[in-house]
Amino acid sequence: MNSKFEIITRETNAEHFYFKRGNSFNNKRIVGQTLANVLNIFIHNNKKNAFNEIKEYSNFDDKCYGSLKRLTRVLDKVGHFKMRKFLLRWYDNSMKPMQTIKHNEVLAFKIYKSRFLSRSFYAWRELHNDQMSSY
């Protein structure tokens, strides 16, 4: 009886050992799978954040490029407007007959006599012309 008990005890202990060893292996496998899943999620989130940052930067860059393009168009239009205005002024002053220029001076003198604002403007213009001629 004693020997049967020892045999059964040894077999039970061996089964218990193999069962514990199997549980330990399963625990390690489960921990490994969980760790791999967590790392995959972490990598996926990092990739997603990197692509979102690239997208935001490209949108910002596109917005800046559009703003600069609009600014250059506006400055170009202003430059063309000023060139056109000064060419027309040059044409008015150089190509018109002398009678028209004299007529314009007479009209300017009549306006100068009639209105206070005009008088102050012409006084300022004369002062400004005198200052510019002294340079």
Protein backbone atom coordinates (compact mmCIF):
# COMPACT_ATOMS: atom_id res chain seq x y z
CA MET A 1 0.00 0.00 0.00
CA ASN A 2 2.78 2.32 0.84
CA SER A 3 4.46 1.82 -2.51
CA LYS A 4 1.21 2.46 -4.43
CA PHE A 5 0.74 5.69 -2.48
CA GLU A 6 4.26 6.80 -3.35
CA ILE A 7 3.72 5.95 -7.03
CA ILE A 8 0.43 7.86 -7.12
CA THR A 9 2.03 10.77 -5.25
CA ARG A 10 4.96 10.86 -7.70
CA GLU A 11 2.61 10.79 -10.67
CA THR A 12 0.47 13.52 -9.12
CA ASN A 13 3.55 15.63 -8.38
CA ALA A 14 4.80 15.11 -11.95
CA GLU A 15 1.42 16.12 -13.38
CA HIS A 16 1.35 19.12 -11.06
CA PHE A 17 4.89 20.09 -12.22
CA TYR A 18 3.95 19.76 -15.90
CA PHE A 19 0.71 21.66 -15.26
CA LYS A 20 2.60 24.50 -13.52
CA ARG A 21 5.20 24.56 -16.29
CA GLY A 22 2.42 24.74 -18.89
CA ASN A 23 0.71 27.55 -16.97
CA SER A 24 3.99 29.44 -16.76
CA PHE A 25 4.49 29.07 -20.53
CA ASN A 26 0.90 30.18 -21.21
CA ASN A 27 1.36 33.18 -18.91
CA LYS A 28 4.54 34.16 -20.76
CA ARG A 29 2.79 33.72 -24.13
CA ILE A 30 -0.18 35.86 -23.02
CA VAL A 31 2.14 38.57 -21.66
CA GLY A 32 4.14 38.52 -24.90
CA GLN A 33 1.00 38.85 -27.04
CA THR A 34 -0.32 41.69 -24.87
CA LEU A 35 3.02 43.49 -25.04
CA ALA A 36 3.14 43.06 -28.83
CA ASN A 37 -0.41 44.47 -29.14
CA VAL A 38 0.45 47.46 -26.94
CA LEU A 39 3.60 48.13 -28.99
CA ASN A 40 1.62 47.88 -32.25
CA ILE A 41 -0.93 50.38 -30.91
CA PHE A 42 1.89 52.71 -29.79
CA ILE A 43 3.59 52.52 -33.21
CA HIS A 44 0.27 53.09 -34.99
CA ASN A 45 -0.47 56.17 -32.85
CA ASN A 46 3.02 57.57 -33.46
CA LYS A 47 2.62 57.11 -37.23
CA LYS A 48 -0.83 58.69 -37.12
CA ASN A 49 0.48 61.69 -35.14
CA ALA A 50 3.41 62.12 -37.54
CA PHE A 51 1.13 62.08 -40.59
CA ASN A 52 -1.29 64.51 -38.92
CA GLU A 53 1.59 66.88 -38.22
CA ILE A 54 2.79 66.61 -41.83
CA LYS A 55 -0.76 67.32 -43.03
CA GLU A 56 -1.10 70.37 -40.75
CA TYR A 57 2.27 71.72 -41.90
CA SER A 58 1.37 71.23 -45.57
CA ASN A 59 -1.96 73.03 -45.03
CA PHE A 60 -0.14 75.89 -43.27
CA ASP A 61 2.46 76.03 -46.05
CA ASP A 62 -0.27 76.08 -48.71
CA LYS A 63 -2.08 78.87 -46.85
CA CYS A 64 1.12 80.93 -46.58
CA TYR A 65 1.89 80.39 -50.27
CA GLY A 66 -1.62 81.50 -51.22
CA SER A 67 -1.36 84.61 -49.04
CA LEU A 68 2.00 85.56 -50.52
CA LYS A 69 0.64 84.99 -54.03
CA ARG A 70 -2.32 87.28 -53.32
CA LEU A 71 0.04 89.90 -51.83
CA THR A 72 2.25 89.86 -54.93
CA ARG A 73 -0.82 90.22 -57.17
CA VAL A 74 -2.03 93.22 -55.13
CA LEU A 75 1.41 94.86 -55.18
CA ASP A 76 1.67 94.22 -58.90
CA LYS A 77 -1.73 95.85 -59.48
CA VAL A 78 -0.73 98.83 -57.31
CA GLY A 79 2.49 99.19 -59.29
CA HIS A 80 0.63 99.07 -62.61
CA PHE A 81 -1.92 101.57 -61.32
CA LYS A 82 0.83 104.00 -60.26
CA MET A 83 2.68 103.58 -63.54
CA ARG A 84 -0.53 104.21 -65.49
CA LYS A 85 -1.36 107.25 -63.34
CA PHE A 86 2.07 108.83 -63.76
CA LEU A 87 2.15 108.07 -67.50
CA LEU A 88 -1.22 109.78 -67.87
CA ARG A 89 0.06 112.75 -65.87
CA TRP A 90 3.16 112.90 -68.03
CA TYR A 91 0.99 112.73 -71.13
CA ASP A 92 -1.28 115.48 -69.78
CA ASN A 93 1.67 117.74 -69.04
CA SER A 94 3.75 117.10 -72.14
CA MET A 95 1.48 116.19 -75.05
CA LYS A 96 -1.39 118.64 -74.64
CA PRO A 97 -1.27 121.90 -76.51
CA MET A 98 -0.15 124.99 -74.60
CA GLN A 99 -3.66 126.50 -74.76
CA THR A 100 -5.04 123.59 -72.73
CA ILE A 101 -2.27 123.90 -70.17
CA LYS A 102 -2.97 127.66 -69.94
CA HIS A 103 -6.69 126.95 -69.62
CA ASN A 104 -5.98 124.54 -66.76
CA GLU A 105 -3.91 127.20 -65.02
CA VAL A 106 -6.76 129.72 -65.37
CA LEU A 107 -9.23 127.22 -63.92
CA ALA A 108 -6.86 126.49 -61.07
CA PHE A 109 -6.53 130.21 -60.36
CA LYS A 110 -10.33 130.64 -60.31
CA ILE A 111 -10.69 127.71 -57.89
CA TYR A 112 -7.87 129.17 -55.81
CA LYS A 113 -9.77 132.44 -55.50
CA SER A 114 -13.12 130.88 -54.74
CA ARG A 115 -12.57 128.30 -52.03
CA PHE A 116 -10.78 128.29 -48.72
CA LEU A 117 -9.89 124.59 -48.85
CA SER A 118 -8.49 125.05 -52.30
CA ARG A 119 -6.46 128.01 -51.10
CA SER A 120 -5.01 126.03 -48.23
CA PHE A 121 -4.26 123.10 -50.54
CA TYR A 122 -2.51 125.33 -53.09
CA ALA A 123 -0.56 127.05 -50.34
CA TRP A 124 0.57 123.66 -49.09
CA ARG A 125 1.43 122.60 -52.65
CA GLU A 126 3.49 125.74 -53.22
CA LEU A 127 5.32 125.21 -49.96
CA HIS A 128 5.95 121.58 -50.87
CA ASN A 129 7.15 122.54 -54.37
CA ASP A 130 9.48 125.16 -52.87
CA GLN A 131 10.90 122.58 -50.48
CA MET A 132 11.36 120.07 -53.29
CA SER A 133 13.03 122.65 -55.56
CA SER A 134 15.49 123.55 -52.79
CA TYR A 135 16.78 119.99 -52.79
